[in-house]
Amino acid sequence: MRVVVLDAWQALYEGNAGEVLLPGEDGELCVLDFHQPFLSRLRAGAIQILAGRKRPPGARAMSPALAEARILIQDGIARMTGNELVILVQT
């Protein structure tokens, strides 16, 4: 999927990803390719982007060491449409 992370001044990340973990308001969200469309508020935490790779077999959670990008945020909003995830954040 295409992933774009923006704050008020710049693009913090633009690229393709196989998996993105988001700090959702009601808990962690795992977004994969062709995820169902959604709009969600985000809470303070870390966005972790795993680009072009899959988790090791048997791994229940993505290790921060596997993340291609890790972005700390105060809050934000995420929108998934088509195969594009756009995330607006306050850092």
PDB file of N, CA and C in Angstrom:
ATOM      1  N   MET A   1       0.849  -1.176   0.000  1.00  0.00           N
ATOM      2  CA  MET A   1       0.000   0.000   0.000  1.00  0.00           C
ATOM      3  C   MET A   1       0.892   1.236   0.000  1.00  0.00           C
ATOM      4  N   ARG A   2       0.355   2.322  -0.473  1.00  0.00           N
ATOM      5  CA  ARG A   2       1.077   3.594  -0.421  1.00  0.00           C
ATOM      6  C   ARG A   2       0.766   4.245   0.923  1.00  0.00           C
ATOM      7  N   VAL A   3       1.817   4.758   1.581  1.00  0.00           N
ATOM      8  CA  VAL A   3       1.666   5.375   2.898  1.00  0.00           C
ATOM      9  C   VAL A   3       2.250   6.782   2.858  1.00  0.00           C
ATOM     10  N   VAL A   4       1.476   7.738   3.358  1.00  0.00           N
ATOM     11  CA  VAL A   4       1.933   9.124   3.473  1.00  0.00           C
ATOM     12  C   VAL A   4       1.652   9.580   4.900  1.00  0.00           C
ATOM     13  N   VAL A   5       2.698  10.067   5.582  1.00  0.00           N
ATOM     14  CA  VAL A   5       2.552  10.618   6.928  1.00  0.00           C
ATOM     15  C   VAL A   5       2.933  12.090   6.849  1.00  0.00           C
ATOM     16  N   LEU A   6       2.006  12.965   7.230  1.00  0.00           N
ATOM     17  CA  LEU A   6       2.205  14.412   7.118  1.00  0.00           C
ATOM     18  C   LEU A   6       2.000  15.085   8.464  1.00  0.00           C
ATOM     19  N   ASP A   7       2.839  16.096   8.748  1.00  0.00           N
ATOM     20  CA  ASP A   7       2.521  16.994   9.857  1.00  0.00           C
ATOM     21  C   ASP A   7       2.203  18.346   9.236  1.00  0.00           C
ATOM     22  N   ALA A   8       2.082  19.378  10.020  1.00  0.00           N
ATOM     23  CA  ALA A   8       1.665  20.681   9.502  1.00  0.00           C
ATOM     24  C   ALA A   8       2.684  21.303   8.548  1.00  0.00           C
ATOM     25  N   TRP A   9       3.939  20.858   8.585  1.00  0.00           N
ATOM     26  CA  TRP A   9       4.982  21.518   7.812  1.00  0.00           C
ATOM     27  C   TRP A   9       5.606  20.673   6.723  1.00  0.00           C
ATOM     28  N   GLN A  10       5.520  19.350   6.831  1.00  0.00           N
ATOM     29  CA  GLN A  10       6.261  18.529   5.870  1.00  0.00           C
ATOM     30  C   GLN A  10       5.726  17.101   5.818  1.00  0.00           C
ATOM     31  N   ALA A  11       6.186  16.380   4.804  1.00  0.00           N
ATOM     32  CA  ALA A  11       5.918  14.941   4.728  1.00  0.00           C
ATOM     33  C   ALA A  11       6.978  14.238   5.569  1.00  0.00           C
ATOM     34  N   LEU A  12       6.542  13.479   6.562  1.00  0.00           N
ATOM     35  CA  LEU A  12       7.475  12.751   7.424  1.00  0.00           C
ATOM     36  C   LEU A  12       7.844  11.401   6.830  1.00  0.00           C
ATOM     37  N   TYR A  13       6.955  10.858   6.001  1.00  0.00           N
ATOM     38  CA  TYR A  13       7.214   9.576   5.340  1.00  0.00           C
ATOM     39  C   TYR A  13       6.340   9.487   4.105  1.00  0.00           C
ATOM     40  N   GLU A  14       6.924   9.021   3.008  1.00  0.00           N
ATOM     41  CA  GLU A  14       6.181   8.710   1.783  1.00  0.00           C
ATOM     42  C   GLU A  14       6.806   7.473   1.191  1.00  0.00           C
ATOM     43  N   GLY A  15       6.000   6.463   0.954  1.00  0.00           N
ATOM     44  CA  GLY A  15       6.539   5.241   0.372  1.00  0.00           C
ATOM     45  C   GLY A  15       5.533   4.116   0.426  1.00  0.00           C
ATOM     46  N   ASN A  16       6.005   2.931   0.060  1.00  0.00           N
ATOM     47  CA  ASN A  16       5.158   1.745   0.070  1.00  0.00           C
ATOM     48  C   ASN A  16       5.419   0.946   1.333  1.00  0.00           C
ATOM     49  N   ALA A  17       4.394   0.256   1.804  1.00  0.00           N
ATOM     50  CA  ALA A  17       4.524  -0.546   3.022  1.00  0.00           C
ATOM     51  C   ALA A  17       3.684  -1.803   2.904  1.00  0.00           C
ATOM     52  N   GLY A  18       4.130  -2.841   3.581  1.00  0.00           N
ATOM     53  CA  GLY A  18       3.360  -4.070   3.657  1.00  0.00           C
ATOM     54  C   GLY A  18       2.487  -4.102   4.893  1.00  0.00           C
ATOM     55  N   GLU A  19       2.904  -3.338   5.930  1.00  0.00           N
ATOM     56  CA  GLU A  19       2.178  -3.336   7.203  1.00  0.00           C
ATOM     57  C   GLU A  19       2.477  -2.035   7.938  1.00  0.00           C
ATOM     58  N   VAL A  20       1.444  -1.468   8.565  1.00  0.00           N
ATOM     59  CA  VAL A  20       1.601  -0.257   9.378  1.00  0.00           C
ATOM     60  C   VAL A  20       0.863  -0.472  10.692  1.00  0.00           C
ATOM     61  N   LEU A  21       1.531  -0.169  11.798  1.00  0.00           N
ATOM     62  CA  LEU A  21       0.896  -0.218  13.114  1.00  0.00           C
ATOM     63  C   LEU A  21       0.627   1.201  13.571  1.00  0.00           C
ATOM     64  N   LEU A  22      -0.617   1.448  13.987  1.00  0.00           N
ATOM     65  CA  LEU A  22      -1.042   2.784  14.397  1.00  0.00           C
ATOM     66  C   LEU A  22      -1.533   2.761  15.838  1.00  0.00           C
ATOM     67  N   PRO A  23      -1.251   3.828  16.605  1.00  0.00           N
ATOM     68  CA  PRO A  23      -1.785   3.926  17.969  1.00  0.00           C
ATOM     69  C   PRO A  23      -3.216   4.460  17.928  1.00  0.00           C
ATOM     70  N   GLY A  24      -4.164   3.577  17.692  1.00  0.00           N
ATOM     71  CA  GLY A  24      -5.566   3.977  17.596  1.00  0.00           C
ATOM     72  C   GLY A  24      -6.123   4.419  18.934  1.00  0.00           C
ATOM     73  N   GLU A  25      -7.188   5.164  18.879  1.00  0.00           N
ATOM     74  CA  GLU A  25      -7.813   5.697  20.090  1.00  0.00           C
ATOM     75  C   GLU A  25      -8.292   4.578  21.025  1.00  0.00           C
ATOM     76  N   ASP A  26      -8.722   3.463  20.450  1.00  0.00           N
ATOM     77  CA  ASP A  26      -9.220   2.341  21.253  1.00  0.00           C
ATOM     78  C   ASP A  26      -8.235   1.176  21.306  1.00  0.00           C
ATOM     79  N   GLY A  27      -6.999   1.389  20.889  1.00  0.00           N
ATOM     80  CA  GLY A  27      -5.990   0.329  20.883  1.00  0.00           C
ATOM     81  C   GLY A  27      -5.201   0.350  19.592  1.00  0.00           C
ATOM     82  N   GLU A  28      -4.224  -0.533  19.490  1.00  0.00           N
ATOM     83  CA  GLU A  28      -3.346  -0.568  18.332  1.00  0.00           C
ATOM     84  C   GLU A  28      -4.081  -1.096  17.102  1.00  0.00           C
ATOM     85  N   LEU A  29      -3.850  -0.433  15.957  1.00  0.00           N
ATOM     86  CA  LEU A  29      -4.430  -0.847  14.680  1.00  0.00           C
ATOM     87  C   LEU A  29      -3.324  -1.400  13.797  1.00  0.00           C
ATOM     88  N   CYS A  30      -3.565  -2.535  13.170  1.00  0.00           N
ATOM     89  CA  CYS A  30      -2.635  -3.115  12.207  1.00  0.00           C
ATOM     90  C   CYS A  30      -3.274  -2.978  10.831  1.00  0.00           C
ATOM     91  N   VAL A  31      -2.619  -2.259   9.931  1.00  0.00           N
ATOM     92  CA  VAL A  31      -3.161  -2.013   8.595  1.00  0.00           C
ATOM     93  C   VAL A  31      -2.289  -2.753   7.588  1.00  0.00           C
ATOM     94  N   LEU A  32      -2.918  -3.593   6.761  1.00  0.00           N
ATOM     95  CA  LEU A  32      -2.228  -4.367   5.735  1.00  0.00           C
ATOM     96  C   LEU A  32      -2.688  -3.907   4.358  1.00  0.00           C
ATOM     97  N   ASP A  33      -1.996  -4.380   3.307  1.00  0.00           N
ATOM     98  CA  ASP A  33      -2.399  -4.072   1.934  1.00  0.00           C
ATOM     99  C   ASP A  33      -3.888  -4.320   1.736  1.00  0.00           C
ATOM    100  N   PHE A  34      -4.533  -3.415   1.014  1.00  0.00           N
ATOM    101  CA  PHE A  34      -5.942  -3.520   0.640  1.00  0.00           C
ATOM    102  C   PHE A  34      -6.877  -3.666   1.842  1.00  0.00           C
ATOM    103  N   HIS A  35      -6.518  -3.011   2.937  1.00  0.00           N
ATOM    104  CA  HIS A  35      -7.363  -2.992   4.139  1.00  0.00           C
ATOM    105  C   HIS A  35      -8.690  -2.320   3.796  1.00  0.00           C
ATOM    106  N   GLN A  36      -9.728  -2.695   4.496  1.00  0.00           N
ATOM    107  CA  GLN A  36     -11.037  -2.064   4.310  1.00  0.00           C
ATOM    108  C   GLN A  36     -10.921  -0.569   4.613  1.00  0.00           C
ATOM    109  N   PRO A  37     -11.605   0.293   3.857  1.00  0.00           N
ATOM    110  CA  PRO A  37     -11.538   1.738   4.116  1.00  0.00           C
ATOM    111  C   PRO A  37     -11.956   2.079   5.546  1.00  0.00           C
ATOM    112  N   PHE A  38     -11.264   3.056   6.133  1.00  0.00           N
ATOM    113  CA  PHE A  38     -11.616   3.519   7.477  1.00  0.00           C
ATOM    114  C   PHE A  38     -11.099   4.932   7.686  1.00  0.00           C
ATOM    115  N   LEU A  39     -11.635   5.564   8.719  1.00  0.00           N
ATOM    116  CA  LEU A  39     -11.181   6.866   9.200  1.00  0.00           C
ATOM    117  C   LEU A  39     -11.081   6.725  10.713  1.00  0.00           C
ATOM    118  N   SER A  40      -9.905   7.019  11.288  1.00  0.00           N
ATOM    119  CA  SER A  40      -9.709   6.775  12.715  1.00  0.00           C
ATOM    120  C   SER A  40      -8.864   7.867  13.354  1.00  0.00           C
ATOM    121  N   ARG A  41      -9.247   8.242  14.580  1.00  0.00           N
ATOM    122  CA  ARG A  41      -8.418   9.151  15.375  1.00  0.00           C
ATOM    123  C   ARG A  41      -7.276   8.363  15.984  1.00  0.00           C
ATOM    124  N   LEU A  42      -6.139   9.036  16.148  1.00  0.00           N
ATOM    125  CA  LEU A  42      -4.964   8.405  16.740  1.00  0.00           C
ATOM    126  C   LEU A  42      -4.615   9.101  18.043  1.00  0.00           C
ATOM    127  N   ARG A  43      -4.066   8.346  18.971  1.00  0.00           N
ATOM    128  CA  ARG A  43      -3.628   8.885  20.260  1.00  0.00           C
ATOM    129  C   ARG A  43      -2.100   8.989  20.251  1.00  0.00           C
ATOM    130  N   ALA A  44      -1.534   9.506  21.316  1.00  0.00           N
ATOM    131  CA  ALA A  44      -0.079   9.599  21.438  1.00  0.00           C
ATOM    132  C   ALA A  44       0.528   8.201  21.388  1.00  0.00           C
ATOM    133  N   GLY A  45       1.631   8.082  20.671  1.00  0.00           N
ATOM    134  CA  GLY A  45       2.306   6.793  20.544  1.00  0.00           C
ATOM    135  C   GLY A  45       3.212   6.789  19.333  1.00  0.00           C
ATOM    136  N   ALA A  46       3.493   5.595  18.830  1.00  0.00           N
ATOM    137  CA  ALA A  46       4.410   5.443  17.698  1.00  0.00           C
ATOM    138  C   ALA A  46       3.698   4.815  16.510  1.00  0.00           C
ATOM    139  N   ILE A  47       3.928   5.394  15.336  1.00  0.00           N
ATOM    140  CA  ILE A  47       3.528   4.776  14.077  1.00  0.00           C
ATOM    141  C   ILE A  47       4.726   3.950  13.634  1.00  0.00           C
ATOM    142  N   GLN A  48       4.499   2.665  13.348  1.00  0.00           N
ATOM    143  CA  GLN A  48       5.576   1.797  12.879  1.00  0.00           C
ATOM    144  C   GLN A  48       5.235   1.321  11.475  1.00  0.00           C
ATOM    145  N   ILE A  49       6.182   1.489  10.557  1.00  0.00           N
ATOM    146  CA  ILE A  49       5.961   1.151   9.158  1.00  0.00           C
ATOM    147  C   ILE A  49       6.931   0.044   8.768  1.00  0.00           C
ATOM    148  N   LEU A  50       6.381  -1.068   8.284  1.00  0.00           N
ATOM    149  CA  LEU A  50       7.177  -2.192   7.810  1.00  0.00           C
ATOM    150  C   LEU A  50       6.992  -2.240   6.302  1.00  0.00           C
ATOM    151  N   ALA A  51       8.001  -1.865   5.568  1.00  0.00           N
ATOM    152  CA  ALA A  51       7.861  -1.701   4.125  1.00  0.00           C
ATOM    153  C   ALA A  51       8.360  -2.922   3.364  1.00  0.00           C
ATOM    154  N   GLY A  52       7.482  -3.472   2.552  1.00  0.00           N
ATOM    155  CA  GLY A  52       7.870  -4.502   1.604  1.00  0.00           C
ATOM    156  C   GLY A  52       8.303  -5.832   2.201  1.00  0.00           C
ATOM    157  N   ARG A  53       8.131  -6.033   3.490  1.00  0.00           N
ATOM    158  CA  ARG A  53       8.510  -7.297   4.121  1.00  0.00           C
ATOM    159  C   ARG A  53       7.350  -7.765   4.978  1.00  0.00           C
ATOM    160  N   LYS A  54       7.388  -9.008   5.315  1.00  0.00           N
ATOM    161  CA  LYS A  54       6.375  -9.569   6.210  1.00  0.00           C
ATOM    162  C   LYS A  54       7.029  -9.865   7.550  1.00  0.00           C
ATOM    163  N   ARG A  55       6.216  -9.989   8.580  1.00  0.00           N
ATOM    164  CA  ARG A  55       6.721 -10.416   9.889  1.00  0.00           C
ATOM    165  C   ARG A  55       7.286 -11.823   9.781  1.00  0.00           C
ATOM    166  N   PRO A  56       8.248 -12.157  10.616  1.00  0.00           N
ATOM    167  CA  PRO A  56       8.729 -13.542  10.641  1.00  0.00           C
ATOM    168  C   PRO A  56       7.582 -14.483  11.009  1.00  0.00           C
ATOM    169  N   PRO A  57       7.569 -15.704  10.470  1.00  0.00           N
ATOM    170  CA  PRO A  57       6.500 -16.653  10.797  1.00  0.00           C
ATOM    171  C   PRO A  57       6.403 -16.854  12.306  1.00  0.00           C
ATOM    172  N   GLY A  58       5.189 -16.878  12.806  1.00  0.00           N
ATOM    173  CA  GLY A  58       4.968 -17.097  14.229  1.00  0.00           C
ATOM    174  C   GLY A  58       5.053 -15.848  15.082  1.00  0.00           C
ATOM    175  N   ALA A  59       5.507 -14.739  14.526  1.00  0.00           N
ATOM    176  CA  ALA A  59       5.615 -13.498  15.308  1.00  0.00           C
ATOM    177  C   ALA A  59       4.218 -12.925  15.511  1.00  0.00           C
ATOM    178  N   ARG A  60       3.852 -12.647  16.758  1.00  0.00           N
ATOM    179  CA  ARG A  60       2.520 -12.108  17.054  1.00  0.00           C
ATOM    180  C   ARG A  60       2.491 -10.593  16.927  1.00  0.00           C
ATOM    181  N   ALA A  61       3.614  -9.954  17.141  1.00  0.00           N
ATOM    182  CA  ALA A  61       3.668  -8.492  17.082  1.00  0.00           C
ATOM    183  C   ALA A  61       4.920  -8.078  16.332  1.00  0.00           C
ATOM    184  N   MET A  62       4.854  -6.905  15.738  1.00  0.00           N
ATOM    185  CA  MET A  62       6.006  -6.400  15.017  1.00  0.00           C
ATOM    186  C   MET A  62       7.004  -5.831  16.014  1.00  0.00           C
ATOM    187  N   SER A  63       8.229  -6.289  15.942  1.00  0.00           N
ATOM    188  CA  SER A  63       9.290  -5.767  16.793  1.00  0.00           C
ATOM    189  C   SER A  63       9.698  -4.394  16.281  1.00  0.00           C
ATOM    190  N   PRO A  64       9.939  -3.414  17.167  1.00  0.00           N
ATOM    191  CA  PRO A  64      10.413  -2.107  16.710  1.00  0.00           C
ATOM    192  C   PRO A  64      11.675  -2.210  15.867  1.00  0.00           C
ATOM    193  N   ALA A  65      12.476  -3.266  16.073  1.00  0.00           N
ATOM    194  CA  ALA A  65      13.704  -3.435  15.298  1.00  0.00           C
ATOM    195  C   ALA A  65      13.411  -3.743  13.833  1.00  0.00           C
ATOM    196  N   LEU A  66      12.228  -4.272  13.514  1.00  0.00           N
ATOM    197  CA  LEU A  66      11.866  -4.597  12.134  1.00  0.00           C
ATOM    198  C   LEU A  66      11.289  -3.404  11.382  1.00  0.00           C
ATOM    199  N   ALA A  67      10.897  -2.371  12.085  1.00  0.00           N
ATOM    200  CA  ALA A  67      10.245  -1.229  11.453  1.00  0.00           C
ATOM    201  C   ALA A  67      11.227  -0.459  10.583  1.00  0.00           C
ATOM    202  N   GLU A  68      10.796  -0.133   9.368  1.00  0.00           N
ATOM    203  CA  GLU A  68      11.603   0.709   8.489  1.00  0.00           C
ATOM    204  C   GLU A  68      11.550   2.153   8.973  1.00  0.00           C
ATOM    205  N   ALA A  69      10.388   2.555   9.459  1.00  0.00           N
ATOM    206  CA  ALA A  69      10.220   3.911   9.991  1.00  0.00           C
ATOM    207  C   ALA A  69       9.403   3.828  11.269  1.00  0.00           C
ATOM    208  N   ARG A  70       9.783   4.630  12.230  1.00  0.00           N
ATOM    209  CA  ARG A  70       9.057   4.719  13.509  1.00  0.00           C
ATOM    210  C   ARG A  70       8.906   6.203  13.806  1.00  0.00           C
ATOM    211  N   ILE A  71       7.666   6.673  13.871  1.00  0.00           N
ATOM    212  CA  ILE A  71       7.389   8.095  14.040  1.00  0.00           C
ATOM    213  C   ILE A  71       6.571   8.283  15.307  1.00  0.00           C
ATOM    214  N   LEU A  72       7.095   9.062  16.245  1.00  0.00           N
ATOM    215  CA  LEU A  72       6.383   9.348  17.488  1.00  0.00           C
ATOM    216  C   LEU A  72       5.421  10.506  17.264  1.00  0.00           C
ATOM    217  N   ILE A  73       4.175  10.340  17.717  1.00  0.00           N
ATOM    218  CA  ILE A  73       3.163  11.376  17.510  1.00  0.00           C
ATOM    219  C   ILE A  73       2.457  11.703  18.821  1.00  0.00           C
ATOM    220  N   GLN A  74       1.843  12.901  18.853  1.00  0.00           N
ATOM    221  CA  GLN A  74       1.006  13.285  19.994  1.00  0.00           C
ATOM    222  C   GLN A  74      -0.448  12.915  19.746  1.00  0.00           C
ATOM    223  N   ASP A  75      -0.890  13.095  18.509  1.00  0.00           N
ATOM    224  CA  ASP A  75      -2.218  12.669  18.084  1.00  0.00           C
ATOM    225  C   ASP A  75      -2.287  12.787  16.577  1.00  0.00           C
ATOM    226  N   GLY A  76      -3.424  12.383  16.020  1.00  0.00           N
ATOM    227  CA  GLY A  76      -3.548  12.461  14.572  1.00  0.00           C
ATOM    228  C   GLY A  76      -4.825  11.809  14.092  1.00  0.00           C
ATOM    229  N   ILE A  77      -4.877  11.645  12.766  1.00  0.00           N
ATOM    230  CA  ILE A  77      -6.020  11.007  12.127  1.00  0.00           C
ATOM    231  C   ILE A  77      -5.483  10.201  10.944  1.00  0.00           C
ATOM    232  N   ALA A  78      -6.052   9.018  10.740  1.00  0.00           N
ATOM    233  CA  ALA A  78      -5.624   8.148   9.648  1.00  0.00           C
ATOM    234  C   ALA A  78      -6.822   7.831   8.769  1.00  0.00           C
ATOM    235  N   ARG A  79      -6.576   7.833   7.441  1.00  0.00           N
ATOM    236  CA  ARG A  79      -7.642   7.504   6.486  1.00  0.00           C
ATOM    237  C   ARG A  79      -7.105   6.496   5.480  1.00  0.00           C
ATOM    238  N   MET A  80      -7.809   5.400   5.338  1.00  0.00           N
ATOM    239  CA  MET A  80      -7.460   4.371   4.359  1.00  0.00           C
ATOM    240  C   MET A  80      -8.521   4.372   3.279  1.00  0.00           C
ATOM    241  N   THR A  81      -8.108   4.584   2.032  1.00  0.00           N
ATOM    242  CA  THR A  81      -9.012   4.496   0.883  1.00  0.00           C
ATOM    243  C   THR A  81      -8.245   3.838  -0.250  1.00  0.00           C
ATOM    244  N   GLY A  82      -8.932   2.970  -0.994  1.00  0.00           N
ATOM    245  CA  GLY A  82      -8.239   2.239  -2.050  1.00  0.00           C
ATOM    246  C   GLY A  82      -7.116   1.447  -1.403  1.00  0.00           C
ATOM    247  N   ASN A  83      -5.913   1.656  -1.860  1.00  0.00           N
ATOM    248  CA  ASN A  83      -4.753   1.026  -1.220  1.00  0.00           C
ATOM    249  C   ASN A  83      -3.782   2.115  -0.778  1.00  0.00           C
ATOM    250  N   GLU A  84      -4.341   3.220  -0.265  1.00  0.00           N
ATOM    251  CA  GLU A  84      -3.526   4.344   0.202  1.00  0.00           C
ATOM    252  C   GLU A  84      -3.919   4.710   1.629  1.00  0.00           C
ATOM    253  N   LEU A  85      -2.910   4.815   2.500  1.00  0.00           N
ATOM    254  CA  LEU A  85      -3.091   5.211   3.892  1.00  0.00           C
ATOM    255  C   LEU A  85      -2.473   6.593   4.062  1.00  0.00           C
ATOM    256  N   VAL A  86      -3.309   7.575   4.388  1.00  0.00           N
ATOM    257  CA  VAL A  86      -2.831   8.941   4.632  1.00  0.00           C
ATOM    258  C   VAL A  86      -3.015   9.223   6.114  1.00  0.00           C
ATOM    259  N   ILE A  87      -1.931   9.677   6.759  1.00  0.00           N
ATOM    260  CA  ILE A  87      -1.941   9.912   8.199  1.00  0.00           C
ATOM    261  C   ILE A  87      -1.515  11.353   8.454  1.00  0.00           C
ATOM    262  N   LEU A  88      -2.401  12.135   9.068  1.00  0.00           N
ATOM    263  CA  LEU A  88      -2.092  13.512   9.453  1.00  0.00           C
ATOM    264  C   LEU A  88      -1.802  13.502  10.942  1.00  0.00           C
ATOM    265  N   VAL A  89      -0.646  14.062  11.339  1.00  0.00           N
ATOM    266  CA  VAL A  89      -0.217  13.944  12.734  1.00  0.00           C
ATOM    267  C   VAL A  89       0.250  15.272  13.306  1.00  0.00           C
ATOM    268  N   GLN A  90       0.254  15.306  14.633  1.00  0.00           N
ATOM    269  CA  GLN A  90       0.909  16.371  15.382  1.00  0.00           C
ATOM    270  C   GLN A  90       2.050  15.685  16.124  1.00  0.00           C
ATOM    271  N   THR A  91       3.276  16.173  15.898  1.00  0.00           N
ATOM    272  CA  THR A  91       4.445  15.536  16.524  1.00  0.00           C
ATOM    273  C   THR A  91       4.915  16.318  17.725  1.00  0.00           C
TER     274      THR A  91
END
